[in-house]
PDB file of N, CA and C in Angstrom:
ATOM      1  N   UNK A   1     113.885  44.759 119.876  1.00  0.00           N
ATOM      2  CA  UNK A   1     112.438  45.620 119.984  1.00  0.00           C
ATOM      3  C   UNK A   1     113.064  47.370 119.448  1.00  0.00           C
ATOM      4  N   UNK A   2     113.630  47.392 120.700  1.00  0.00           N
ATOM      5  CA  UNK A   2     114.453  48.879 120.351  1.00  0.00           C
ATOM      6  C   UNK A   2     114.715  49.191 118.807  1.00  0.00           C
ATOM      7  N   UNK A   3     115.301  48.240 118.666  1.00  0.00           N
ATOM      8  CA  UNK A   3     116.054  48.315 117.459  1.00  0.00           C
ATOM      9  C   UNK A   3     115.086  48.766 116.013  1.00  0.00           C
ATOM     10  N   UNK A   4     113.853  47.884 116.349  1.00  0.00           N
ATOM     11  CA  UNK A   4     113.342  47.908 115.293  1.00  0.00           C
ATOM     12  C   UNK A   4     111.965  49.427 115.152  1.00  0.00           C
ATOM     13  N   UNK A   5     112.497  50.093 116.293  1.00  0.00           N
ATOM     14  CA  UNK A   5     111.573  51.247 116.672  1.00  0.00           C
ATOM     15  C   UNK A   5     112.567  52.277 115.974  1.00  0.00           C
ATOM     16  N   UNK A   6     113.824  52.345 116.148  1.00  0.00           N
ATOM     17  CA  UNK A   6     114.967  53.422 115.756  1.00  0.00           C
ATOM     18  C   UNK A   6     114.997  53.470 114.477  1.00  0.00           C
ATOM     19  N   UNK A   7     115.241  51.804 113.790  1.00  0.00           N
ATOM     20  CA  UNK A   7     114.868  51.799 112.589  1.00  0.00           C
ATOM     21  C   UNK A   7     113.873  52.462 111.963  1.00  0.00           C
ATOM     22  N   UNK A   8     112.749  52.219 112.225  1.00  0.00           N
ATOM     23  CA  UNK A   8     111.260  53.010 112.143  1.00  0.00           C
ATOM     24  C   UNK A   8     111.781  54.332 111.734  1.00  0.00           C
ATOM     25  N   UNK A   9     111.760  54.992 113.329  1.00  0.00           N
ATOM     26  CA  UNK A   9     112.282  56.072 112.674  1.00  0.00           C
ATOM     27  C   UNK A   9     113.327  56.514 112.195  1.00  0.00           C
ATOM     28  N   UNK A  10     114.026  56.287 111.782  1.00  0.00           N
ATOM     29  CA  UNK A  10     115.201  56.445 111.014  1.00  0.00           C
ATOM     30  C   UNK A  10     114.548  56.417 109.263  1.00  0.00           C
ATOM     31  N   UNK A  11     113.704  55.614 109.064  1.00  0.00           N
ATOM     32  CA  UNK A  11     113.252  55.554 107.820  1.00  0.00           C
ATOM     33  C   UNK A  11     112.437  56.910 107.284  1.00  0.00           C
ATOM     34  N   UNK A  12     111.208  56.695 108.904  1.00  0.00           N
ATOM     35  CA  UNK A  12     110.610  58.138 108.906  1.00  0.00           C
ATOM     36  C   UNK A  12     111.203  59.291 108.568  1.00  0.00           C
ATOM     37  N   UNK A  13     112.228  59.770 109.303  1.00  0.00           N
ATOM     38  CA  UNK A  13     112.774  60.828 109.444  1.00  0.00           C
ATOM     39  C   UNK A  13     113.537  60.978 107.865  1.00  0.00           C
ATOM     40  N   UNK A  14     113.979  60.036 107.416  1.00  0.00           N
ATOM     41  CA  UNK A  14     114.680  60.209 106.057  1.00  0.00           C
ATOM     42  C   UNK A  14     113.864  60.227 104.857  1.00  0.00           C
ATOM     43  N   UNK A  15     112.588  59.562 104.836  1.00  0.00           N
ATOM     44  CA  UNK A  15     111.276  59.579 104.132  1.00  0.00           C
ATOM     45  C   UNK A  15     110.762  61.135 103.791  1.00  0.00           C
ATOM     46  N   UNK A  16     110.781  61.891 104.999  1.00  0.00           N
ATOM     47  CA  UNK A  16     110.388  62.993 105.241  1.00  0.00           C
ATOM     48  C   UNK A  16     110.710  64.545 105.164  1.00  0.00           C
ATOM     49  N   UNK A  17     112.165  63.960 104.996  1.00  0.00           N
ATOM     50  CA  UNK A  17     113.303  65.368 104.920  1.00  0.00           C
ATOM     51  C   UNK A  17     113.694  64.609 103.047  1.00  0.00           C
ATOM     52  N   UNK A  18     113.234  63.903 102.570  1.00  0.00           N
ATOM     53  CA  UNK A  18     113.310  63.872 100.910  1.00  0.00           C
ATOM     54  C   UNK A  18     112.213  64.056 100.263  1.00  0.00           C
ATOM     55  N   UNK A  19     111.248  64.231 101.009  1.00  0.00           N
ATOM     56  CA  UNK A  19     109.784  64.823 100.424  1.00  0.00           C
ATOM     57  C   UNK A  19     110.058  66.052 100.323  1.00  0.00           C
ATOM     58  N   UNK A  20     110.250  66.680 101.894  1.00  0.00           N
ATOM     59  CA  UNK A  20     110.511  67.925 101.628  1.00  0.00           C
ATOM     60  C   UNK A  20     111.407  68.568 101.058  1.00  0.00           C
ATOM     61  N   UNK A  21     112.703  68.068 101.078  1.00  0.00           N
ATOM     62  CA  UNK A  21     113.428  68.539  99.632  1.00  0.00           C
ATOM     63  C   UNK A  21     112.907  68.339  98.474  1.00  0.00           C
ATOM     64  N   UNK A  22     112.372  67.565  98.045  1.00  0.00           N
ATOM     65  CA  UNK A  22     111.837  67.553  96.588  1.00  0.00           C
ATOM     66  C   UNK A  22     110.625  68.235  96.600  1.00  0.00           C
ATOM     67  N   UNK A  23     109.629  68.533  97.474  1.00  0.00           N
ATOM     68  CA  UNK A  23     108.787  69.398  97.596  1.00  0.00           C
ATOM     69  C   UNK A  23     109.658  71.045  96.749  1.00  0.00           C
ATOM     70  N   UNK A  24     110.480  71.584  97.474  1.00  0.00           N
ATOM     71  CA  UNK A  24     111.104  72.755  97.383  1.00  0.00           C
ATOM     72  C   UNK A  24     112.044  72.685  95.983  1.00  0.00           C
ATOM     73  N   UNK A  25     112.440  71.787  95.502  1.00  0.00           N
ATOM     74  CA  UNK A  25     112.853  71.418  94.308  1.00  0.00           C
ATOM     75  C   UNK A  25     111.535  71.924  93.110  1.00  0.00           C
ATOM     76  N   UNK A  26     110.344  71.071  93.699  1.00  0.00           N
ATOM     77  CA  UNK A  26     109.609  71.401  92.310  1.00  0.00           C
ATOM     78  C   UNK A  26     108.926  72.849  92.597  1.00  0.00           C
ATOM     79  N   UNK A  27     108.887  73.141  93.584  1.00  0.00           N
ATOM     80  CA  UNK A  27     108.637  74.730  93.850  1.00  0.00           C
ATOM     81  C   UNK A  27     109.850  75.931  92.919  1.00  0.00           C
ATOM     82  N   UNK A  28     110.995  75.622  93.456  1.00  0.00           N
ATOM     83  CA  UNK A  28     111.670  76.509  92.750  1.00  0.00           C
ATOM     84  C   UNK A  28     111.631  76.302  91.420  1.00  0.00           C
ATOM     85  N   UNK A  29     111.642  74.998  90.789  1.00  0.00           N
ATOM     86  CA  UNK A  29     111.315  74.623  88.925  1.00  0.00           C
ATOM     87  C   UNK A  29     110.587  75.055  88.288  1.00  0.00           C
ATOM     88  N   UNK A  30     109.220  75.376  89.319  1.00  0.00           N
ATOM     89  CA  UNK A  30     108.283  76.442  89.015  1.00  0.00           C
ATOM     90  C   UNK A  30     108.379  77.477  88.977  1.00  0.00           C
ATOM     91  N   UNK A  31     108.882  78.123  89.918  1.00  0.00           N
ATOM     92  CA  UNK A  31     109.334  79.621  89.589  1.00  0.00           C
ATOM     93  C   UNK A  31     110.171  80.140  88.405  1.00  0.00           C
ATOM     94  N   UNK A  32     111.602  78.781  88.721  1.00  0.00           N
ATOM     95  CA  UNK A  32     112.194  79.044  87.460  1.00  0.00           C
ATOM     96  C   UNK A  32     111.209  79.062  86.109  1.00  0.00           C
ATOM     97  N   UNK A  33     110.597  78.383  85.700  1.00  0.00           N
ATOM     98  CA  UNK A  33     109.958  78.229  84.531  1.00  0.00           C
ATOM     99  C   UNK A  33     108.865  79.520  84.147  1.00  0.00           C
ATOM    100  N   UNK A  34     108.594  80.061  85.277  1.00  0.00           N
ATOM    101  CA  UNK A  34     107.624  81.328  85.177  1.00  0.00           C
ATOM    102  C   UNK A  34     108.715  82.917  85.038  1.00  0.00           C
ATOM    103  N   UNK A  35     110.021  82.464  85.211  1.00  0.00           N
ATOM    104  CA  UNK A  35     111.229  83.882  84.504  1.00  0.00           C
ATOM    105  C   UNK A  35     111.833  83.523  83.676  1.00  0.00           C
ATOM    106  N   UNK A  36     111.351  82.346  82.800  1.00  0.00           N
ATOM    107  CA  UNK A  36     112.367  82.038  81.539  1.00  0.00           C
ATOM    108  C   UNK A  36     113.564  81.825  81.890  1.00  0.00           C
ATOM    109  N   UNK A  37     113.915  80.519  82.287  1.00  0.00           N
ATOM    110  CA  UNK A  37     115.581  81.065  82.599  1.00  0.00           C
ATOM    111  C   UNK A  37     116.578  80.206  81.904  1.00  0.00           C
ATOM    112  N   UNK A  38     117.519  80.399  81.638  1.00  0.00           N
ATOM    113  CA  UNK A  38     118.460  79.812  80.585  1.00  0.00           C
ATOM    114  C   UNK A  38     118.443  78.622  80.690  1.00  0.00           C
ATOM    115  N   UNK A  39     118.271  77.550  79.741  1.00  0.00           N
ATOM    116  CA  UNK A  39     118.214  76.030  79.557  1.00  0.00           C
ATOM    117  C   UNK A  39     119.640  75.701  79.564  1.00  0.00           C
ATOM    118  N   UNK A  40     120.602  76.656  79.599  1.00  0.00           N
ATOM    119  CA  UNK A  40     122.018  76.281  79.423  1.00  0.00           C
ATOM    120  C   UNK A  40     122.384  76.651  80.918  1.00  0.00           C
ATOM    121  N   UNK A  41     121.949  77.206  81.869  1.00  0.00           N
ATOM    122  CA  UNK A  41     122.563  77.578  83.163  1.00  0.00           C
ATOM    123  C   UNK A  41     121.895  76.099  83.352  1.00  0.00           C
ATOM    124  N   UNK A  42     123.358  75.506  84.331  1.00  0.00           N
ATOM    125  CA  UNK A  42     123.546  74.220  85.326  1.00  0.00           C
ATOM    126  C   UNK A  42     122.246  73.922  86.011  1.00  0.00           C
ATOM    127  N   UNK A  43     122.146  74.971  86.832  1.00  0.00           N
ATOM    128  CA  UNK A  43     120.801  74.699  88.032  1.00  0.00           C
ATOM    129  C   UNK A  43     119.751  74.564  87.399  1.00  0.00           C
ATOM    130  N   UNK A  44     119.275  75.153  86.215  1.00  0.00           N
ATOM    131  CA  UNK A  44     118.323  74.646  85.748  1.00  0.00           C
ATOM    132  C   UNK A  44     118.041  73.325  85.226  1.00  0.00           C
ATOM    133  N   UNK A  45     119.534  73.277  84.680  1.00  0.00           N
ATOM    134  CA  UNK A  45     119.520  71.670  84.008  1.00  0.00           C
ATOM    135  C   UNK A  45     119.350  70.743  85.236  1.00  0.00           C
ATOM    136  N   UNK A  46     119.736  70.915  85.901  1.00  0.00           N
ATOM    137  CA  UNK A  46     119.783  69.818  87.337  1.00  0.00           C
ATOM    138  C   UNK A  46     118.324  69.994  87.940  1.00  0.00           C
ATOM    139  N   UNK A  47     117.672  70.965  87.906  1.00  0.00           N
ATOM    140  CA  UNK A  47     116.500  71.396  88.507  1.00  0.00           C
ATOM    141  C   UNK A  47     115.435  70.369  87.242  1.00  0.00           C
ATOM    142  N   UNK A  48     115.875  70.759  86.146  1.00  0.00           N
ATOM    143  CA  UNK A  48     115.125  69.863  85.136  1.00  0.00           C
ATOM    144  C   UNK A  48     115.249  68.270  85.155  1.00  0.00           C
ATOM    145  N   UNK A  49     116.471  68.139  85.190  1.00  0.00           N
ATOM    146  CA  UNK A  49     116.684  66.527  85.257  1.00  0.00           C
ATOM    147  C   UNK A  49     115.906  65.851  86.286  1.00  0.00           C
ATOM    148  N   UNK A  50     115.566  66.293  88.231  1.00  0.00           N
ATOM    149  CA  UNK A  50     115.132  66.012  89.075  1.00  0.00           C
ATOM    150  C   UNK A  50     113.750  65.811  89.042  1.00  0.00           C
ATOM    151  N   UNK A  51     113.097  66.878  88.065  1.00  0.00           N
ATOM    152  CA  UNK A  51     111.759  67.144  88.137  1.00  0.00           C
ATOM    153  C   UNK A  51     110.944  66.447  86.933  1.00  0.00           C
ATOM    154  N   UNK A  52     111.230  66.620  85.949  1.00  0.00           N
ATOM    155  CA  UNK A  52     111.037  66.739  84.429  1.00  0.00           C
ATOM    156  C   UNK A  52     110.386  64.622  84.187  1.00  0.00           C
ATOM    157  N   UNK A  53     111.251  63.922  84.740  1.00  0.00           N
ATOM    158  CA  UNK A  53     111.145  62.665  85.122  1.00  0.00           C
ATOM    159  C   UNK A  53     110.035  62.310  85.524  1.00  0.00           C
ATOM    160  N   UNK A  54     109.376  62.892  86.763  1.00  0.00           N
ATOM    161  CA  UNK A  54     108.367  62.837  87.604  1.00  0.00           C
ATOM    162  C   UNK A  54     106.814  62.981  87.037  1.00  0.00           C
ATOM    163  N   UNK A  55     107.219  64.557  86.065  1.00  0.00           N
ATOM    164  CA  UNK A  55     106.193  65.394  85.229  1.00  0.00           C
ATOM    165  C   UNK A  55     105.609  64.523  84.176  1.00  0.00           C
ATOM    166  N   UNK A  56     106.543  63.967  83.973  1.00  0.00           N
ATOM    167  CA  UNK A  56     106.006  63.224  82.415  1.00  0.00           C
ATOM    168  C   UNK A  56     105.576  62.027  83.027  1.00  0.00           C
ATOM    169  N   UNK A  57     105.631  61.258  84.240  1.00  0.00           N
ATOM    170  CA  UNK A  57     104.987  60.614  84.569  1.00  0.00           C
ATOM    171  C   UNK A  57     103.784  60.526  84.747  1.00  0.00           C
ATOM    172  N   UNK A  58     103.550  62.155  85.050  1.00  0.00           N
ATOM    173  CA  UNK A  58     102.124  62.069  85.693  1.00  0.00           C
ATOM    174  C   UNK A  58     101.342  62.747  84.555  1.00  0.00           C
ATOM    175  N   UNK A  59     101.962  63.134  83.195  1.00  0.00           N
ATOM    176  CA  UNK A  59     101.171  63.793  82.083  1.00  0.00           C
ATOM    177  C   UNK A  59     100.869  62.523  81.711  1.00  0.00           C
ATOM    178  N   UNK A  60     101.442  61.299  81.599  1.00  0.00           N
ATOM    179  CA  UNK A  60     101.056  59.944  81.111  1.00  0.00           C
ATOM    180  C   UNK A  60      99.890  59.004  81.527  1.00  0.00           C
ATOM    181  N   UNK A  61     100.109  59.339  83.092  1.00  0.00           N
ATOM    182  CA  UNK A  61      99.204  58.859  83.576  1.00  0.00           C
ATOM    183  C   UNK A  61      97.907  59.763  84.121  1.00  0.00           C
ATOM    184  N   UNK A  62      97.525  60.964  83.967  1.00  0.00           N
ATOM    185  CA  UNK A  62      96.672  61.630  84.281  1.00  0.00           C
ATOM    186  C   UNK A  62      97.034  62.913  82.905  1.00  0.00           C
ATOM    187  N   UNK A  63      96.606  62.823  82.000  1.00  0.00           N
ATOM    188  CA  UNK A  63      96.669  63.353  80.371  1.00  0.00           C
ATOM    189  C   UNK A  63      96.093  65.066  80.755  1.00  0.00           C
ATOM    190  N   UNK A  64      94.837  64.649  81.688  1.00  0.00           N
ATOM    191  CA  UNK A  64      93.947  66.391  81.782  1.00  0.00           C
ATOM    192  C   UNK A  64      94.561  67.359  82.523  1.00  0.00           C
ATOM    193  N   UNK A  65      96.138  67.063  83.087  1.00  0.00           N
ATOM    194  CA  UNK A  65      96.914  67.917  84.134  1.00  0.00           C
ATOM    195  C   UNK A  65      97.359  69.012  82.858  1.00  0.00           C
ATOM    196  N   UNK A  66      97.580  68.825  81.980  1.00  0.00           N
ATOM    197  CA  UNK A  66      97.940  69.728  81.116  1.00  0.00           C
ATOM    198  C   UNK A  66      96.269  70.204  80.270  1.00  0.00           C
ATOM    199  N   UNK A  67      95.961  71.088  80.878  1.00  0.00           N
ATOM    200  CA  UNK A  67      94.919  72.164  79.994  1.00  0.00           C
ATOM    201  C   UNK A  67      95.075  73.573  79.928  1.00  0.00           C
ATOM    202  N   UNK A  68      94.659  73.935  78.388  1.00  0.00           N
ATOM    203  CA  UNK A  68      94.401  75.112  78.285  1.00  0.00           C
ATOM    204  C   UNK A  68      95.620  75.620  78.386  1.00  0.00           C
ATOM    205  N   UNK A  69      96.718  75.313  77.809  1.00  0.00           N
ATOM    206  CA  UNK A  69      98.022  75.707  78.213  1.00  0.00           C
ATOM    207  C   UNK A  69      98.520  75.670  79.195  1.00  0.00           C
ATOM    208  N   UNK A  70      98.362  75.121  80.409  1.00  0.00           N
ATOM    209  CA  UNK A  70      98.844  75.169  81.928  1.00  0.00           C
ATOM    210  C   UNK A  70      98.875  74.156  82.140  1.00  0.00           C
ATOM    211  N   UNK A  71     100.078  74.152  82.686  1.00  0.00           N
ATOM    212  CA  UNK A  71     100.659  72.204  82.976  1.00  0.00           C
ATOM    213  C   UNK A  71     100.413  71.961  84.758  1.00  0.00           C
ATOM    214  N   UNK A  72      99.562  71.414  85.102  1.00  0.00           N
ATOM    215  CA  UNK A  72      98.637  70.762  86.560  1.00  0.00           C
ATOM    216  C   UNK A  72     100.304  69.888  87.197  1.00  0.00           C
ATOM    217  N   UNK A  73     100.524  69.464  86.380  1.00  0.00           N
ATOM    218  CA  UNK A  73     101.269  68.073  86.948  1.00  0.00           C
ATOM    219  C   UNK A  73     102.602  68.759  88.018  1.00  0.00           C
ATOM    220  N   UNK A  74     103.159  69.709  88.327  1.00  0.00           N
ATOM    221  CA  UNK A  74     103.864  70.118  89.247  1.00  0.00           C
ATOM    222  C   UNK A  74     102.675  70.228  90.943  1.00  0.00           C
ATOM    223  N   UNK A  75     101.515  70.601  90.547  1.00  0.00           N
ATOM    224  CA  UNK A  75     100.549  70.525  91.430  1.00  0.00           C
ATOM    225  C   UNK A  75     100.564  69.537  91.984  1.00  0.00           C
ATOM    226  N   UNK A  76      99.979  68.078  90.981  1.00  0.00           N
ATOM    227  CA  UNK A  76      99.946  67.041  91.496  1.00  0.00           C
ATOM    228  C   UNK A  76     100.962  66.320  91.900  1.00  0.00           C
ATOM    229  N   UNK A  77     102.432  66.594  91.516  1.00  0.00           N
ATOM    230  CA  UNK A  77     103.394  66.066  92.410  1.00  0.00           C
ATOM    231  C   UNK A  77     103.155  66.764  93.760  1.00  0.00           C
ATOM    232  N   UNK A  78     103.012  67.887  94.266  1.00  0.00           N
ATOM    233  CA  UNK A  78     103.387  68.479  95.459  1.00  0.00           C
ATOM    234  C   UNK A  78     102.395  67.706  96.014  1.00  0.00           C
ATOM    235  N   UNK A  79     100.662  67.797  95.851  1.00  0.00           N
ATOM    236  CA  UNK A  79      99.976  67.561  96.528  1.00  0.00           C
ATOM    237  C   UNK A  79     100.516  65.700  96.804  1.00  0.00           C
ATOM    238  N   UNK A  80     100.775  64.796  96.081  1.00  0.00           N
ATOM    239  CA  UNK A  80     101.235  63.540  96.142  1.00  0.00           C
ATOM    240  C   UNK A  80     102.339  63.490  97.125  1.00  0.00           C
ATOM    241  N   UNK A  81     103.501  64.322  96.888  1.00  0.00           N
ATOM    242  CA  UNK A  81     104.379  64.236  98.170  1.00  0.00           C
ATOM    243  C   UNK A  81     104.042  65.026  99.277  1.00  0.00           C
ATOM    244  N   UNK A  82     102.651  65.915  99.427  1.00  0.00           N
ATOM    245  CA  UNK A  82     102.583  66.195 100.624  1.00  0.00           C
ATOM    246  C   UNK A  82     101.730  65.049 100.986  1.00  0.00           C
ATOM    247  N   UNK A  83     100.766  64.341 100.632  1.00  0.00           N
ATOM    248  CA  UNK A  83     100.150  63.157 100.953  1.00  0.00           C
ATOM    249  C   UNK A  83     100.849  61.916 101.422  1.00  0.00           C
ATOM    250  N   UNK A  84     102.481  61.840 100.993  1.00  0.00           N
ATOM    251  CA  UNK A  84     102.831  60.980 101.251  1.00  0.00           C
ATOM    252  C   UNK A  84     103.715  61.043 102.772  1.00  0.00           C
ATOM    253  N   UNK A  85     104.003  62.727 103.039  1.00  0.00           N
ATOM    254  CA  UNK A  85     104.408  63.142 103.844  1.00  0.00           C
ATOM    255  C   UNK A  85     103.337  62.613 104.905  1.00  0.00           C
ATOM    256  N   UNK A  86     102.114  63.396 104.609  1.00  0.00           N
ATOM    257  CA  UNK A  86     100.988  63.174 106.360  1.00  0.00           C
ATOM    258  C   UNK A  86     100.396  61.633 106.224  1.00  0.00           C
ATOM    259  N   UNK A  87     100.357  60.800 105.294  1.00  0.00           N
ATOM    260  CA  UNK A  87      99.797  60.155 105.571  1.00  0.00           C
ATOM    261  C   UNK A  87     100.704  58.494 105.874  1.00  0.00           C
ATOM    262  N   UNK A  88     101.878  58.724 104.909  1.00  0.00           N
ATOM    263  CA  UNK A  88     102.572  57.131 105.209  1.00  0.00           C
ATOM    264  C   UNK A  88     103.642  57.422 105.985  1.00  0.00           C
ATOM    265  N   UNK A  89     104.494  58.685 106.277  1.00  0.00           N
ATOM    266  CA  UNK A  89     105.346  58.833 107.433  1.00  0.00           C
ATOM    267  C   UNK A  89     104.879  58.970 108.064  1.00  0.00           C
ATOM    268  N   UNK A  90     104.184  60.097 108.666  1.00  0.00           N
ATOM    269  CA  UNK A  90     103.329  60.428 110.005  1.00  0.00           C
ATOM    270  C   UNK A  90     102.891  58.623 110.376  1.00  0.00           C
ATOM    271  N   UNK A  91     102.701  57.650 109.538  1.00  0.00           N
ATOM    272  CA  UNK A  91     101.683  56.383 109.898  1.00  0.00           C
ATOM    273  C   UNK A  91     103.068  55.604 110.585  1.00  0.00           C
ATOM    274  N   UNK A  92     104.047  55.688 110.107  1.00  0.00           N
ATOM    275  CA  UNK A  92     105.579  54.830 110.288  1.00  0.00           C
ATOM    276  C   UNK A  92     105.879  55.251 111.140  1.00  0.00           C
ATOM    277  N   UNK A  93     106.251  56.774 111.875  1.00  0.00           N
ATOM    278  CA  UNK A  93     106.341  57.406 112.432  1.00  0.00           C
ATOM    279  C   UNK A  93     105.256  57.018 113.878  1.00  0.00           C
ATOM    280  N   UNK A  94     104.092  57.124 113.725  1.00  0.00           N
ATOM    281  CA  UNK A  94     103.080  56.499 114.917  1.00  0.00           C
ATOM    282  C   UNK A  94     103.267  54.886 115.529  1.00  0.00           C
ATOM    283  N   UNK A  95     103.563  54.251 114.245  1.00  0.00           N
ATOM    284  CA  UNK A  95     103.522  52.991 114.611  1.00  0.00           C
ATOM    285  C   UNK A  95     105.075  52.649 115.550  1.00  0.00           C
ATOM    286  N   UNK A  96     105.889  53.565 114.984  1.00  0.00           N
ATOM    287  CA  UNK A  96     107.421  52.854 115.747  1.00  0.00           C
ATOM    288  C   UNK A  96     107.091  53.470 117.160  1.00  0.00           C
ATOM    289  N   UNK A  97     106.689  54.582 117.136  1.00  0.00           N
ATOM    290  CA  UNK A  97     106.514  55.489 119.006  1.00  0.00           C
ATOM    291  C   UNK A  97     105.488  54.326 119.462  1.00  0.00           C
ATOM    292  N   UNK A  98     104.453  53.758 119.000  1.00  0.00           N
ATOM    293  CA  UNK A  98     103.847  53.028 119.612  1.00  0.00           C
ATOM    294  C   UNK A  98     103.881  51.849 120.119  1.00  0.00           C
ATOM    295  N   UNK A  99     105.029  51.089 119.140  1.00  0.00           N
ATOM    296  CA  UNK A  99     105.566  49.904 119.477  1.00  0.00           C
ATOM    297  C   UNK A  99     105.960  49.276 121.179  1.00  0.00           C
TER     298      UNK A  99
END
């Protein structure tokens, strides 16, 4: 039973870390879009490669997130990541600690 607890805690920790890193990637990508960084910059290309597929899925599922020339898909992605962090990761962690 101890092994299952440790595995669940490890999964919760890794998932929490991945979601936190992705939160910062989305935030940096938004700031880069405001300052109109060069699309040929390797950092900008990596940020776009990591964020645009997710943004496109959000825009496809929720077409109203792009309204009045403002793209709200990063906001939806950040809120979804934080919801998963608080709801799912915390639940996994609490379940593992309560076993």
